[in-house]
Amino acid sequence: MDPDPLAELYPPFGLSVTCGGLTLRVLRDADLPAYAELISARLFADADAPHVFAWWDRDPAVRQREALQFLWSRRARLGPDAWELPFGVFEGDRLIGCQDLCARDFARRRVVSSGSYLRLDAQGRGVGTLMRQLILVLAFDHLGALRAESSAAVGNAASLAVSRHCGYRPDGTRVELNGERRLELQRVAATPETVVRPAEPVVVRGLTTELRRQLGADEVL
């Protein structure tokens, strides 16, 4: 494989996780037009459901601009004390969703959290489960995490079902604001012992020594 000059300069750009026809890789600027189209696509069957992201109500042009600013800001802040990796979810060459992986003080806490969304026309065929399984394999089997946390709105049965299929277990509740709405969240947590790994092999590429150091994961395995 030819050297990737951009990944050599910024190691997260070289990170990818693949299983079958699905690939998670950190979004680059070349992906941003597809990313802008993704967040303008239909993501929710019921746009008025309590769990719909507050940013969904914004004007589409504002939503796109702020989404790009969000990605750039996360790149600038990535370091051992706190990091967020924004993965695009690609089915072949098509961007169909996003899957984030985040941590604070990972070297000492060894805890990650994640969030995700998938365009509506890609839902209902197991992709949501697989992409979350892939991020857990990366966290547990390659970064040395000991706990993974996530959450979904109480009553969001579809999201909580996916969590169960990935090996998450209930972990209490909390209340947050989603825009102006009060939202009760069901917290869930997974460990290396509970995680459900994909049936097919998972291939992780680009997890270099430099990237491990950048994530605070160079001494945890």
Protein backbone atom coordinates (compact mmCIF):
# COMPACT_ATOMS: atom_id res chain seq x y z
CA MET A 1 0.00 0.00 0.00
CA ASP A 2 1.34 3.43 -0.94
CA PRO A 3 2.20 5.83 1.91
CA ASP A 4 -0.58 8.22 2.92
CA PRO A 5 1.06 11.64 3.41
CA LEU A 6 -1.99 13.14 5.12
CA ALA A 7 -2.26 10.26 7.62
CA GLU A 8 1.44 10.63 8.33
CA LEU A 9 0.83 14.28 9.22
CA TYR A 10 -2.42 13.62 11.15
CA PRO A 11 -2.60 9.94 12.21
CA PRO A 12 -6.39 9.74 12.83
CA PHE A 13 -6.95 10.10 9.08
CA GLY A 14 -5.39 6.68 8.56
CA LEU A 15 -7.67 4.82 10.98
CA SER A 16 -10.33 2.48 9.61
CA VAL A 17 -12.36 -0.53 10.78
CA THR A 18 -13.81 -2.93 8.21
CA CYS A 19 -16.11 -5.94 8.34
CA GLY A 20 -17.63 -7.41 5.20
CA GLY A 21 -18.85 -4.56 3.02
CA LEU A 22 -18.95 -1.99 5.84
CA THR A 23 -16.09 0.38 6.65
CA LEU A 24 -15.77 2.95 9.40
CA ARG A 25 -13.06 5.54 8.75
CA VAL A 26 -12.29 8.95 10.15
CA LEU A 27 -13.84 11.62 7.92
CA ARG A 28 -11.52 13.76 5.78
CA ASP A 29 -12.21 17.05 4.01
CA ALA A 30 -12.71 15.14 0.76
CA ASP A 31 -15.70 13.44 2.43
CA LEU A 32 -17.38 16.67 3.51
CA PRO A 33 -19.69 17.14 0.49
CA ALA A 34 -21.05 13.63 1.10
CA TYR A 35 -21.25 14.41 4.81
CA ALA A 36 -23.23 17.57 4.12
CA GLU A 37 -25.63 15.54 1.97
CA LEU A 38 -25.95 12.94 4.71
CA ILE A 39 -27.11 15.39 7.34
CA SER A 40 -29.62 16.79 4.86
CA ALA A 41 -31.01 13.31 4.16
CA ARG A 42 -33.88 11.80 6.10
CA LEU A 43 -32.58 10.27 9.34
CA PHE A 44 -35.75 9.80 11.36
CA ALA A 45 -39.03 8.06 10.60
CA ASP A 46 -40.79 10.48 12.97
CA ALA A 47 -39.18 13.91 12.90
CA ASP A 48 -41.20 14.95 15.99
CA ALA A 49 -39.98 12.11 18.22
CA PRO A 50 -38.36 13.26 21.51
CA HIS A 51 -35.00 11.71 20.61
CA VAL A 52 -34.58 13.61 17.33
CA PHE A 53 -31.44 15.74 17.54
CA ALA A 54 -32.09 19.38 18.38
CA TRP A 55 -29.88 20.48 15.48
CA TRP A 56 -32.28 18.78 13.07
CA ASP A 57 -34.69 21.73 13.38
CA ARG A 58 -32.15 24.21 12.05
CA ASP A 59 -32.22 25.56 8.51
CA PRO A 60 -30.43 22.95 6.33
CA ALA A 61 -27.69 25.37 5.24
CA VAL A 62 -27.01 26.33 8.87
CA ARG A 63 -27.09 22.67 9.88
CA GLN A 64 -24.48 21.81 7.26
CA ARG A 65 -22.19 24.71 8.12
CA GLU A 66 -22.31 24.00 11.85
CA ALA A 67 -21.71 20.29 11.23
CA LEU A 68 -18.51 21.07 9.34
CA GLN A 69 -17.38 23.42 12.09
CA PHE A 70 -18.07 20.66 14.61
CA LEU A 71 -15.80 18.22 12.75
CA TRP A 72 -12.98 20.74 12.41
CA SER A 73 -13.18 21.69 16.09
CA ARG A 74 -12.88 18.05 17.17
CA ARG A 75 -9.75 17.61 15.07
CA ALA A 76 -8.14 20.64 16.67
CA ARG A 77 -8.82 19.44 20.22
CA LEU A 78 -7.79 15.80 19.87
CA GLY A 79 -5.16 14.74 22.39
CA PRO A 80 -4.55 12.30 25.27
CA ASP A 81 -6.62 14.33 27.76
CA ALA A 82 -9.76 14.25 25.59
CA TRP A 83 -10.56 13.04 22.10
CA GLU A 84 -13.42 12.36 19.74
CA LEU A 85 -13.02 10.35 16.55
CA PRO A 86 -15.75 11.07 13.97
CA PHE A 87 -16.06 7.99 11.78
CA GLY A 88 -17.99 7.98 8.56
CA VAL A 89 -19.91 4.75 7.98
CA PHE A 90 -19.37 3.63 4.39
CA GLU A 91 -21.23 0.87 2.59
CA GLY A 92 -18.94 0.43 -0.37
CA ASP A 93 -18.20 4.04 -1.37
CA ARG A 94 -21.50 5.44 -0.07
CA LEU A 95 -21.56 7.40 3.18
CA ILE A 96 -24.65 6.20 5.05
CA GLY A 97 -24.06 7.26 8.64
CA CYS A 98 -21.71 8.50 11.33
CA GLN A 99 -20.27 6.76 14.38
CA ASP A 100 -18.31 8.69 16.98
CA LEU A 101 -15.94 7.32 19.61
CA CYS A 102 -14.92 9.59 22.50
CA ALA A 103 -12.87 9.46 25.68
CA ARG A 104 -11.53 11.62 28.47
CA ASP A 105 -8.22 10.81 30.18
CA PHE A 106 -8.29 7.43 28.47
CA ALA A 107 -4.92 6.20 29.72
CA ARG A 108 -6.16 6.22 33.32
CA ARG A 109 -9.94 5.74 32.99
CA ARG A 110 -10.02 3.33 30.02
CA VAL A 111 -13.63 4.32 29.36
CA VAL A 112 -15.08 5.28 25.98
CA SER A 113 -18.45 6.64 24.94
CA SER A 114 -20.10 6.70 21.57
CA GLY A 115 -23.00 8.04 19.55
CA SER A 116 -24.24 7.33 16.06
CA TYR A 117 -26.86 7.91 13.43
CA LEU A 118 -27.78 6.24 10.17
CA ARG A 119 -29.75 7.55 7.21
CA LEU A 120 -33.29 6.21 7.15
CA ASP A 121 -32.97 4.32 3.87
CA ALA A 122 -30.08 2.30 5.36
CA GLN A 123 -31.92 1.32 8.52
CA GLY A 124 -33.64 -1.97 9.24
CA ARG A 125 -31.05 -4.36 7.81
CA GLY A 126 -28.51 -4.74 10.59
CA VAL A 127 -26.12 -1.96 9.63
CA GLY A 128 -26.75 -0.01 12.84
CA THR A 129 -25.85 -3.04 14.94
CA LEU A 130 -22.73 -3.86 12.93
CA MET A 131 -21.31 -0.33 12.99
CA ARG A 132 -21.68 -0.18 16.76
CA GLN A 133 -20.11 -3.62 17.14
CA LEU A 134 -17.16 -2.48 15.05
CA ILE A 135 -16.52 0.54 17.25
CA LEU A 136 -16.61 -1.69 20.34
CA VAL A 137 -14.13 -4.12 18.79
CA LEU A 138 -11.81 -1.18 18.13
CA ALA A 139 -12.23 0.11 21.68
CA PHE A 140 -11.89 -3.18 23.56
CA ASP A 141 -9.65 -5.34 21.39
CA HIS A 142 -7.31 -2.70 19.97
CA LEU A 143 -7.29 0.30 22.33
CA GLY A 144 -7.59 -1.60 25.60
CA ALA A 145 -10.81 -0.02 26.90
CA LEU A 146 -12.44 -1.65 29.93
CA ARG A 147 -15.86 0.00 29.65
CA ALA A 148 -17.99 1.53 26.91
CA GLU A 149 -20.92 3.82 27.65
CA SER A 150 -23.82 5.03 25.55
CA SER A 151 -27.43 6.09 25.97
CA ALA A 152 -30.77 6.39 24.21
CA ALA A 153 -34.01 8.16 24.97
CA VAL A 154 -36.31 6.19 27.24
CA GLY A 155 -38.92 4.76 24.89
CA ASN A 156 -36.58 4.61 21.87
CA ALA A 157 -37.02 0.86 21.61
CA ALA A 158 -35.15 0.47 18.32
CA SER A 159 -31.95 2.09 19.59
CA LEU A 160 -32.06 0.20 22.89
CA ALA A 161 -32.58 -3.08 21.02
CA VAL A 162 -29.45 -2.40 18.98
CA SER A 163 -27.58 -1.71 22.23
CA ARG A 164 -28.65 -5.09 23.61
CA HIS A 165 -27.52 -6.83 20.42
CA CYS A 166 -24.08 -5.25 20.86
CA GLY A 167 -23.75 -6.41 24.47
CA TYR A 168 -24.70 -3.24 26.34
CA ARG A 169 -26.54 -3.60 29.66
CA PRO A 170 -28.78 -1.05 31.47
CA ASP A 171 -26.80 1.37 33.60
CA GLY A 172 -29.34 3.74 35.15
CA THR A 173 -30.93 6.87 33.75
CA ARG A 174 -30.19 10.55 33.50
CA VAL A 175 -32.06 13.67 32.38
CA GLU A 176 -30.71 16.14 29.83
CA LEU A 177 -32.04 18.88 27.61
CA ASN A 178 -32.38 18.19 23.90
CA GLY A 179 -32.78 21.74 22.67
CA GLU A 180 -35.71 22.98 24.75
CA ARG A 181 -37.03 19.50 25.47
CA ARG A 182 -36.49 17.62 28.71
CA LEU A 183 -35.22 14.19 27.73
CA GLU A 184 -34.88 11.16 29.99
CA LEU A 185 -32.10 8.90 28.82
CA GLN A 186 -31.51 5.22 29.47
CA ARG A 187 -27.79 4.77 30.05
CA VAL A 188 -26.15 1.53 28.92
CA ALA A 189 -22.66 0.10 29.38
CA ALA A 190 -20.63 -2.73 27.87
CA THR A 191 -17.41 -4.46 28.88
CA PRO A 192 -15.03 -6.83 27.10
CA GLU A 193 -16.95 -9.69 28.72
CA THR A 194 -20.41 -8.62 27.52
CA VAL A 195 -19.62 -7.28 24.04
CA VAL A 196 -21.07 -9.15 21.08
CA ARG A 197 -18.53 -9.29 18.29
CA PRO A 198 -19.46 -9.65 14.60
CA ALA A 199 -19.54 -13.13 13.10
CA GLU A 200 -17.20 -12.04 10.30
CA PRO A 201 -13.57 -10.94 10.81
CA VAL A 202 -12.93 -7.31 11.74
CA VAL A 203 -9.90 -5.58 10.22
CA VAL A 204 -8.42 -2.49 11.87
CA ARG A 205 -5.94 -0.44 9.87
CA GLY A 206 -3.92 2.66 10.70
CA LEU A 207 -3.67 2.27 14.47
CA THR A 208 -0.06 3.39 14.52
CA THR A 209 2.23 4.04 17.46
CA GLU A 210 1.80 7.76 16.86
CA LEU A 211 -1.98 7.49 16.94
CA ARG A 212 -1.94 5.38 20.10
CA ARG A 213 0.16 8.07 21.76
CA GLN A 214 -2.23 10.76 20.56
CA LEU A 215 -5.18 8.88 22.11
CA GLY A 216 -3.42 8.01 25.36
CA ALA A 217 -3.63 4.33 24.42
CA ASP A 218 0.08 3.58 24.09
CA GLU A 219 0.48 2.08 27.57
CA VAL A 220 -2.87 0.47 28.34
CA LEU A 221 -2.59 -2.89 26.54
